[in-house]
């Protein structure tokens, strides 16, 4: 009789342990599938970002080539003009009478101040953004 009870207890323990393993296995499989789905989603996002990066590279390559060619042809200056360009524009505008030598001397500074005063800008003798926006219009054209 004790043997039957002992065997029954062992059978119950064995069956319950097997069901626990099956549940754990199912949980592991679900967790693995969830991780695979996350990896797949991340790979898709990565591919989209790679395409975006390549597209941006191509557009910057095209845009960086274009303005350089246009600026060289028209003589237009994108950033800071050099002293010869400033003197040329001032001379064409009728404010500078000296030689276009590329040197920022007293005559050039006085011409800049005169131009600034005539255009209602602060007369500091320096060609900043606002001054150059107005002055660059005279880079290729002379005033009558």
N, C-alpha and C. Protein backbone atom coordinates (compact mmCIF):
# COMPACT_ATOMS: atom_id res chain seq x y z
N UNK A 1 0.80 -1.17 0.00
CA UNK A 1 0.00 0.00 0.00
C UNK A 1 0.86 1.26 0.00
N UNK A 2 1.88 1.27 0.79
CA UNK A 2 2.78 2.42 0.86
C UNK A 2 3.46 2.61 -0.49
N UNK A 3 3.73 1.47 -1.11
CA UNK A 3 4.35 1.56 -2.43
C UNK A 3 3.44 2.23 -3.44
N UNK A 4 2.20 1.92 -3.42
CA UNK A 4 1.25 2.51 -4.35
C UNK A 4 1.15 4.01 -4.11
N UNK A 5 1.11 4.41 -2.87
CA UNK A 5 1.03 5.84 -2.53
C UNK A 5 2.30 6.54 -2.99
N UNK A 6 3.44 5.92 -2.73
CA UNK A 6 4.72 6.51 -3.12
C UNK A 6 4.82 6.62 -4.63
N UNK A 7 4.40 5.59 -5.35
CA UNK A 7 4.41 5.64 -6.81
C UNK A 7 3.44 6.69 -7.33
N UNK A 8 2.31 6.83 -6.70
CA UNK A 8 1.34 7.84 -7.11
C UNK A 8 1.91 9.24 -6.92
N UNK A 9 2.56 9.46 -5.80
CA UNK A 9 3.17 10.76 -5.51
C UNK A 9 4.27 11.05 -6.53
N UNK A 10 5.08 10.05 -6.82
CA UNK A 10 6.14 10.24 -7.80
C UNK A 10 5.57 10.52 -9.19
N UNK A 11 4.49 9.85 -9.53
CA UNK A 11 3.85 10.07 -10.83
C UNK A 11 3.31 11.49 -10.93
N UNK A 12 2.69 11.98 -9.86
CA UNK A 12 2.15 13.34 -9.85
C UNK A 12 3.29 14.36 -9.97
N UNK A 13 4.37 14.16 -9.26
CA UNK A 13 5.53 15.07 -9.32
C UNK A 13 6.12 15.07 -10.72
N UNK A 14 6.24 13.89 -11.31
CA UNK A 14 6.82 13.77 -12.65
C UNK A 14 5.95 14.48 -13.68
N UNK A 15 4.66 14.28 -13.63
CA UNK A 15 3.74 14.90 -14.59
C UNK A 15 3.74 16.42 -14.42
N UNK A 16 3.73 16.89 -13.18
CA UNK A 16 3.73 18.34 -12.96
C UNK A 16 5.04 18.98 -13.43
N UNK A 17 6.15 18.28 -13.27
CA UNK A 17 7.43 18.82 -13.73
C UNK A 17 7.48 18.89 -15.25
N UNK A 18 6.88 17.91 -15.91
CA UNK A 18 6.84 17.93 -17.37
C UNK A 18 5.97 19.08 -17.88
N UNK A 19 4.89 19.33 -17.23
CA UNK A 19 4.03 20.44 -17.68
C UNK A 19 4.72 21.77 -17.45
N UNK A 20 5.50 21.89 -16.40
CA UNK A 20 6.26 23.13 -16.15
C UNK A 20 7.30 23.36 -17.23
N UNK A 21 7.95 22.32 -17.69
CA UNK A 21 8.96 22.44 -18.75
C UNK A 21 8.30 22.87 -20.06
N UNK A 22 7.12 22.31 -20.34
CA UNK A 22 6.43 22.68 -21.57
C UNK A 22 6.02 24.14 -21.54
N UNK A 23 5.58 24.63 -20.39
CA UNK A 23 5.20 26.04 -20.25
C UNK A 23 6.42 26.94 -20.41
N UNK A 24 7.51 26.55 -19.79
CA UNK A 24 8.73 27.35 -19.90
C UNK A 24 9.22 27.38 -21.35
N UNK A 25 9.10 26.25 -22.04
CA UNK A 25 9.54 26.18 -23.43
C UNK A 25 8.68 27.11 -24.30
N UNK A 26 7.36 27.12 -24.05
CA UNK A 26 6.48 28.00 -24.81
C UNK A 26 6.81 29.46 -24.54
N UNK A 27 7.08 29.76 -23.28
CA UNK A 27 7.45 31.15 -22.94
C UNK A 27 8.75 31.56 -23.63
N UNK A 28 9.72 30.66 -23.64
CA UNK A 28 10.99 30.94 -24.30
C UNK A 28 10.80 31.15 -25.80
N UNK A 29 9.97 30.31 -26.41
CA UNK A 29 9.72 30.44 -27.84
C UNK A 29 9.04 31.77 -28.16
N UNK A 30 8.09 32.16 -27.32
CA UNK A 30 7.41 33.45 -27.52
C UNK A 30 8.38 34.62 -27.36
N UNK A 31 9.24 34.51 -26.37
CA UNK A 31 10.23 35.57 -26.13
C UNK A 31 11.21 35.67 -27.32
N UNK A 32 11.64 34.52 -27.81
CA UNK A 32 12.56 34.50 -28.96
C UNK A 32 11.89 35.09 -30.19
N UNK A 33 10.62 34.74 -30.42
CA UNK A 33 9.90 35.28 -31.57
C UNK A 33 9.74 36.81 -31.44
N UNK A 34 9.46 37.29 -30.24
CA UNK A 34 9.36 38.73 -30.01
C UNK A 34 10.68 39.44 -30.30
N UNK A 35 11.78 38.84 -29.87
CA UNK A 35 13.09 39.41 -30.14
C UNK A 35 13.40 39.41 -31.64
N UNK A 36 13.02 38.35 -32.33
CA UNK A 36 13.23 38.31 -33.78
C UNK A 36 12.45 39.41 -34.48
N UNK A 37 11.21 39.63 -34.01
CA UNK A 37 10.40 40.70 -34.59
C UNK A 37 11.04 42.07 -34.37
N UNK A 38 11.59 42.29 -33.16
CA UNK A 38 12.26 43.56 -32.87
C UNK A 38 13.49 43.74 -33.75
N UNK A 39 14.26 42.70 -33.93
CA UNK A 39 15.46 42.77 -34.78
C UNK A 39 15.06 43.09 -36.21
N UNK A 40 14.01 42.47 -36.69
CA UNK A 40 13.54 42.72 -38.05
C UNK A 40 13.10 44.18 -38.22
N UNK A 41 12.37 44.70 -37.23
CA UNK A 41 11.94 46.09 -37.29
C UNK A 41 13.13 47.04 -37.28
N UNK A 42 14.11 46.76 -36.44
CA UNK A 42 15.31 47.60 -36.38
C UNK A 42 16.12 47.55 -37.68
N UNK A 43 16.19 46.37 -38.29
CA UNK A 43 16.88 46.25 -39.57
C UNK A 43 16.18 47.07 -40.65
N UNK A 44 14.86 47.09 -40.63
CA UNK A 44 14.10 47.90 -41.60
C UNK A 44 14.37 49.39 -41.38
N UNK A 45 14.37 49.80 -40.11
CA UNK A 45 14.66 51.21 -39.81
C UNK A 45 16.07 51.59 -40.24
N UNK A 46 17.02 50.70 -40.01
CA UNK A 46 18.40 50.94 -40.41
C UNK A 46 18.53 51.10 -41.92
N UNK A 47 17.85 50.25 -42.66
CA UNK A 47 17.89 50.34 -44.12
C UNK A 47 17.29 51.67 -44.60
N UNK A 48 16.20 52.09 -43.96
CA UNK A 48 15.59 53.38 -44.33
C UNK A 48 16.53 54.53 -44.04
N UNK A 49 17.21 54.49 -42.91
CA UNK A 49 18.16 55.56 -42.55
C UNK A 49 19.35 55.57 -43.51
N UNK A 50 19.82 54.39 -43.91
CA UNK A 50 20.91 54.31 -44.88
C UNK A 50 20.51 54.97 -46.20
N UNK A 51 19.28 54.70 -46.64
CA UNK A 51 18.80 55.32 -47.88
C UNK A 51 18.72 56.84 -47.72
N UNK A 52 18.26 57.29 -46.56
CA UNK A 52 18.16 58.73 -46.31
C UNK A 52 19.54 59.39 -46.32
N UNK A 53 20.50 58.73 -45.70
CA UNK A 53 21.87 59.26 -45.67
C UNK A 53 22.44 59.36 -47.08
N UNK A 54 22.26 58.32 -47.88
CA UNK A 54 22.76 58.33 -49.25
C UNK A 54 22.09 59.43 -50.07
N UNK A 55 20.81 59.61 -49.87
CA UNK A 55 20.09 60.67 -50.58
C UNK A 55 20.63 62.05 -50.19
N UNK A 56 20.86 62.25 -48.91
CA UNK A 56 21.40 63.53 -48.45
C UNK A 56 22.82 63.76 -48.98
N UNK A 57 23.61 62.71 -49.02
CA UNK A 57 24.97 62.84 -49.57
C UNK A 57 24.92 63.28 -51.03
N UNK A 58 24.03 62.64 -51.80
CA UNK A 58 23.92 62.98 -53.22
C UNK A 58 23.46 64.43 -53.39
N UNK A 59 22.49 64.86 -52.60
CA UNK A 59 21.99 66.23 -52.75
C UNK A 59 23.03 67.26 -52.32
N UNK A 60 23.83 66.95 -51.30
CA UNK A 60 24.87 67.90 -50.90
C UNK A 60 26.00 67.94 -51.92
N UNK A 61 26.28 66.80 -52.54
CA UNK A 61 27.31 66.78 -53.58
C UNK A 61 26.87 67.66 -54.75
N UNK A 62 25.61 67.52 -55.15
CA UNK A 62 25.10 68.30 -56.27
C UNK A 62 25.05 69.78 -55.93
N UNK A 63 24.58 70.10 -54.72
CA UNK A 63 24.44 71.52 -54.34
C UNK A 63 25.79 72.17 -54.09
N UNK A 64 26.77 71.42 -53.62
CA UNK A 64 28.08 72.02 -53.38
C UNK A 64 28.83 72.27 -54.68
N UNK A 65 28.55 71.49 -55.71
CA UNK A 65 29.19 71.70 -57.01
C UNK A 65 28.59 72.89 -57.74
N UNK A 66 27.30 73.05 -57.68
CA UNK A 66 26.60 74.06 -58.45
C UNK A 66 26.96 75.50 -58.04
N UNK A 67 26.87 75.90 -56.77
CA UNK A 67 27.16 77.28 -56.43
C UNK A 67 28.60 77.68 -56.71
N UNK A 68 29.55 76.75 -56.57
CA UNK A 68 30.94 77.09 -56.82
C UNK A 68 31.12 77.50 -58.28
N UNK A 69 30.48 76.78 -59.19
CA UNK A 69 30.60 77.12 -60.61
C UNK A 69 29.91 78.44 -60.91
N UNK A 70 28.74 78.66 -60.33
CA UNK A 70 28.02 79.91 -60.56
C UNK A 70 28.80 81.08 -60.00
N UNK A 71 29.35 80.92 -58.80
CA UNK A 71 30.09 82.01 -58.18
C UNK A 71 31.33 82.37 -59.00
N UNK A 72 32.01 81.37 -59.55
CA UNK A 72 33.18 81.65 -60.35
C UNK A 72 32.83 82.39 -61.62
N UNK A 73 31.73 82.06 -62.24
CA UNK A 73 31.35 82.69 -63.49
C UNK A 73 30.90 84.13 -63.29
N UNK A 74 30.10 84.37 -62.25
CA UNK A 74 29.53 85.69 -62.08
C UNK A 74 30.41 86.61 -61.24
N UNK A 75 31.42 86.08 -60.58
CA UNK A 75 32.26 86.92 -59.72
C UNK A 75 31.59 87.19 -58.38
N UNK A 76 30.46 86.55 -58.14
CA UNK A 76 29.72 86.76 -56.90
C UNK A 76 30.45 86.09 -55.75
N UNK A 77 30.36 86.70 -54.58
CA UNK A 77 31.03 86.17 -53.40
C UNK A 77 29.97 85.68 -52.42
N UNK A 78 30.12 84.45 -51.97
CA UNK A 78 29.14 83.89 -51.04
C UNK A 78 29.42 84.31 -49.60
N UNK A 79 30.63 84.25 -49.17
CA UNK A 79 30.93 84.51 -47.76
C UNK A 79 31.48 85.91 -47.57
N UNK A 80 32.77 86.01 -47.43
CA UNK A 80 33.40 87.30 -47.20
C UNK A 80 34.10 87.76 -48.48
N UNK A 81 33.84 88.98 -48.90
CA UNK A 81 34.53 89.47 -50.10
C UNK A 81 35.99 89.78 -49.76
N UNK A 82 36.84 89.69 -50.78
CA UNK A 82 38.23 90.09 -50.53
C UNK A 82 38.36 91.59 -50.78
N UNK A 83 39.49 92.14 -50.41
CA UNK A 83 39.68 93.59 -50.48
C UNK A 83 39.58 94.13 -51.90
N UNK A 84 40.05 93.38 -52.89
CA UNK A 84 39.96 93.84 -54.28
C UNK A 84 38.50 93.93 -54.72
N UNK A 85 37.69 92.96 -54.29
CA UNK A 85 36.28 93.01 -54.65
C UNK A 85 35.59 94.21 -53.99
N UNK A 86 35.95 94.47 -52.75
CA UNK A 86 35.38 95.63 -52.05
C UNK A 86 35.78 96.91 -52.76
N UNK A 87 37.06 97.05 -53.09
CA UNK A 87 37.53 98.26 -53.77
C UNK A 87 36.88 98.41 -55.14
N UNK A 88 36.74 97.31 -55.86
CA UNK A 88 36.11 97.37 -57.20
C UNK A 88 34.67 97.83 -57.08
N UNK A 89 33.93 97.26 -56.15
CA UNK A 89 32.53 97.63 -55.96
C UNK A 89 32.41 99.09 -55.54
N UNK A 90 33.28 99.53 -54.63
CA UNK A 90 33.26 100.93 -54.18
C UNK A 90 33.59 101.88 -55.33
N UNK A 91 34.56 101.49 -56.15
CA UNK A 91 34.94 102.32 -57.29
C UNK A 91 33.78 102.39 -58.30
N UNK A 92 33.17 101.25 -58.60
CA UNK A 92 32.04 101.23 -59.52
C UNK A 92 30.85 102.02 -58.99
N UNK A 93 30.71 102.07 -57.66
CA UNK A 93 29.61 102.82 -57.05
C UNK A 93 29.94 104.31 -56.95
N UNK A 94 31.20 104.67 -57.23
CA UNK A 94 31.60 106.08 -57.21
C UNK A 94 32.10 106.58 -55.86
N UNK A 95 32.48 105.70 -54.95
CA UNK A 95 32.93 106.10 -53.62
C UNK A 95 34.45 105.98 -53.43
N UNK A 96 35.12 105.23 -54.27
CA UNK A 96 36.56 105.00 -54.10
C UNK A 96 37.29 105.48 -55.34
N UNK A 97 38.35 106.26 -55.12
CA UNK A 97 39.11 106.83 -56.24
C UNK A 97 40.52 106.25 -56.37
N UNK A 98 40.95 105.49 -55.38
CA UNK A 98 42.33 104.97 -55.38
C UNK A 98 42.51 103.78 -56.29
N UNK A 99 43.72 103.22 -56.21
CA UNK A 99 44.07 102.05 -57.02
C UNK A 99 43.46 100.80 -56.38
N UNK A 100 43.07 99.88 -57.22
CA UNK A 100 42.55 98.61 -56.72
C UNK A 100 43.74 97.69 -56.51
N UNK A 101 44.27 97.75 -55.29
CA UNK A 101 45.49 97.02 -54.96
C UNK A 101 45.27 95.91 -53.93
N UNK A 102 44.07 95.79 -53.42
CA UNK A 102 43.76 94.74 -52.45
C UNK A 102 44.21 95.07 -51.04
N UNK A 103 44.63 96.30 -50.80
CA UNK A 103 45.07 96.70 -49.47
C UNK A 103 43.98 97.53 -48.80
N UNK A 104 43.67 97.20 -47.57
CA UNK A 104 42.63 97.91 -46.83
C UNK A 104 43.30 99.09 -46.12
N UNK A 105 43.42 100.18 -46.85
CA UNK A 105 44.04 101.38 -46.30
C UNK A 105 43.00 102.41 -45.89
N UNK A 106 43.50 103.60 -45.57
CA UNK A 106 42.64 104.68 -45.09
C UNK A 106 41.60 105.08 -46.16
N UNK A 107 42.04 105.16 -47.42
CA UNK A 107 41.13 105.56 -48.50
C UNK A 107 39.99 104.57 -48.68
N UNK A 108 40.31 103.30 -48.55
CA UNK A 108 39.27 102.26 -48.68
C UNK A 108 38.28 102.35 -47.53
N UNK A 109 38.81 102.53 -46.31
CA UNK A 109 37.93 102.63 -45.14
C UNK A 109 37.02 103.86 -45.23
N UNK A 110 37.57 104.96 -45.69
CA UNK A 110 36.76 106.18 -45.83
C UNK A 110 35.67 105.99 -46.88
N UNK A 111 36.00 105.30 -47.96
CA UNK A 111 35.02 105.04 -49.00
C UNK A 111 33.90 104.13 -48.47
N UNK A 112 34.28 103.16 -47.66
CA UNK A 112 33.28 102.27 -47.06
C UNK A 112 32.34 103.08 -46.17
N UNK A 113 32.92 103.95 -45.33
CA UNK A 113 32.10 104.78 -44.43
C UNK A 113 31.15 105.67 -45.23
N UNK A 114 31.63 106.25 -46.29
CA UNK A 114 30.79 107.13 -47.12
C UNK A 114 29.64 106.32 -47.73
N UNK A 115 29.95 105.14 -48.22
CA UNK A 115 28.92 104.27 -48.79
C UNK A 115 27.89 103.91 -47.72
N UNK A 116 28.37 103.56 -46.53
CA UNK A 116 27.47 103.18 -45.44
C UNK A 116 26.56 104.34 -45.05
N UNK A 117 27.12 105.54 -44.95
CA UNK A 117 26.30 106.72 -44.59
C UNK A 117 25.23 106.96 -45.66
N UNK A 118 25.62 106.86 -46.92
CA UNK A 118 24.68 107.12 -48.01
C UNK A 118 23.56 106.08 -48.05
N UNK A 119 23.80 104.91 -47.48
CA UNK A 119 22.80 103.84 -47.51
C UNK A 119 22.17 103.60 -46.13
N UNK A 120 22.29 104.58 -45.26
CA UNK A 120 21.68 104.52 -43.91
C UNK A 120 22.11 103.30 -43.11
N UNK A 121 23.40 102.98 -43.20
CA UNK A 121 23.98 101.90 -42.41
C UNK A 121 24.92 102.49 -41.37
N UNK A 122 25.20 101.80 -40.29
CA UNK A 122 26.19 102.29 -39.33
C UNK A 122 27.54 102.43 -40.02
N UNK A 123 28.12 103.64 -39.96
CA UNK A 123 29.38 103.92 -40.66
C UNK A 123 30.56 103.51 -39.79
N UNK A 124 30.91 102.21 -39.83
CA UNK A 124 32.03 101.73 -39.04
C UNK A 124 33.28 101.44 -39.89
N UNK A 125 33.15 101.55 -41.21
CA UNK A 125 34.29 101.32 -42.08
C UNK A 125 34.60 99.85 -42.31
N UNK A 126 33.72 98.97 -41.88
CA UNK A 126 33.90 97.53 -42.06
C UNK A 126 32.79 97.01 -42.96
N UNK A 127 33.13 96.09 -43.84
CA UNK A 127 32.14 95.52 -44.74
C UNK A 127 31.56 94.27 -44.09
N UNK A 128 30.44 94.46 -43.42
CA UNK A 128 29.72 93.34 -42.82
C UNK A 128 28.66 92.83 -43.79
N UNK A 129 27.77 91.99 -43.29
CA UNK A 129 26.75 91.38 -44.15
C UNK A 129 25.85 92.42 -44.80
N UNK A 130 25.33 93.36 -44.00
CA UNK A 130 24.39 94.35 -44.54
C UNK A 130 25.06 95.25 -45.56
N UNK A 131 26.28 95.66 -45.27
CA UNK A 131 27.01 96.52 -46.21
C UNK A 131 27.28 95.76 -47.50
N UNK A 132 27.72 94.51 -47.39
CA UNK A 132 28.07 93.75 -48.59
C UNK A 132 26.84 93.44 -49.44
N UNK A 133 25.70 93.22 -48.80
CA UNK A 133 24.47 92.96 -49.56
C UNK A 133 24.19 94.10 -50.53
N UNK A 134 24.40 95.33 -50.07
CA UNK A 134 24.16 96.49 -50.93
C UNK A 134 25.33 96.75 -51.87
N UNK A 135 26.53 96.57 -51.36
CA UNK A 135 27.73 96.91 -52.13
C UNK A 135 28.00 95.92 -53.27
N UNK A 136 27.65 94.65 -53.07
CA UNK A 136 27.99 93.66 -54.10
C UNK A 136 27.23 93.90 -55.41
N UNK A 137 26.16 94.66 -55.35
CA UNK A 137 25.44 95.00 -56.58
C UNK A 137 26.31 95.81 -57.54
N UNK A 138 27.33 96.47 -57.02
CA UNK A 138 28.22 97.30 -57.84
C UNK A 138 29.49 96.57 -58.25
N UNK A 139 29.59 95.31 -57.93
CA UNK A 139 30.82 94.55 -58.22
C UNK A 139 31.08 94.48 -59.72
N UNK A 140 30.02 94.33 -60.52
CA UNK A 140 30.20 94.21 -61.97
C UNK A 140 29.64 95.38 -62.74
N UNK A 141 28.89 96.27 -62.09
CA UNK A 141 28.27 97.39 -62.80
C UNK A 141 28.80 98.72 -62.31
N UNK A 142 29.03 99.62 -63.23
CA UNK A 142 29.43 100.98 -62.86
C UNK A 142 28.21 101.88 -62.78
N UNK A 143 28.29 102.86 -61.89
CA UNK A 143 27.22 103.83 -61.79
C UNK A 143 27.44 104.87 -62.87
N UNK A 144 26.36 105.32 -63.50
CA UNK A 144 26.48 106.30 -64.58
C UNK A 144 26.90 107.65 -64.08
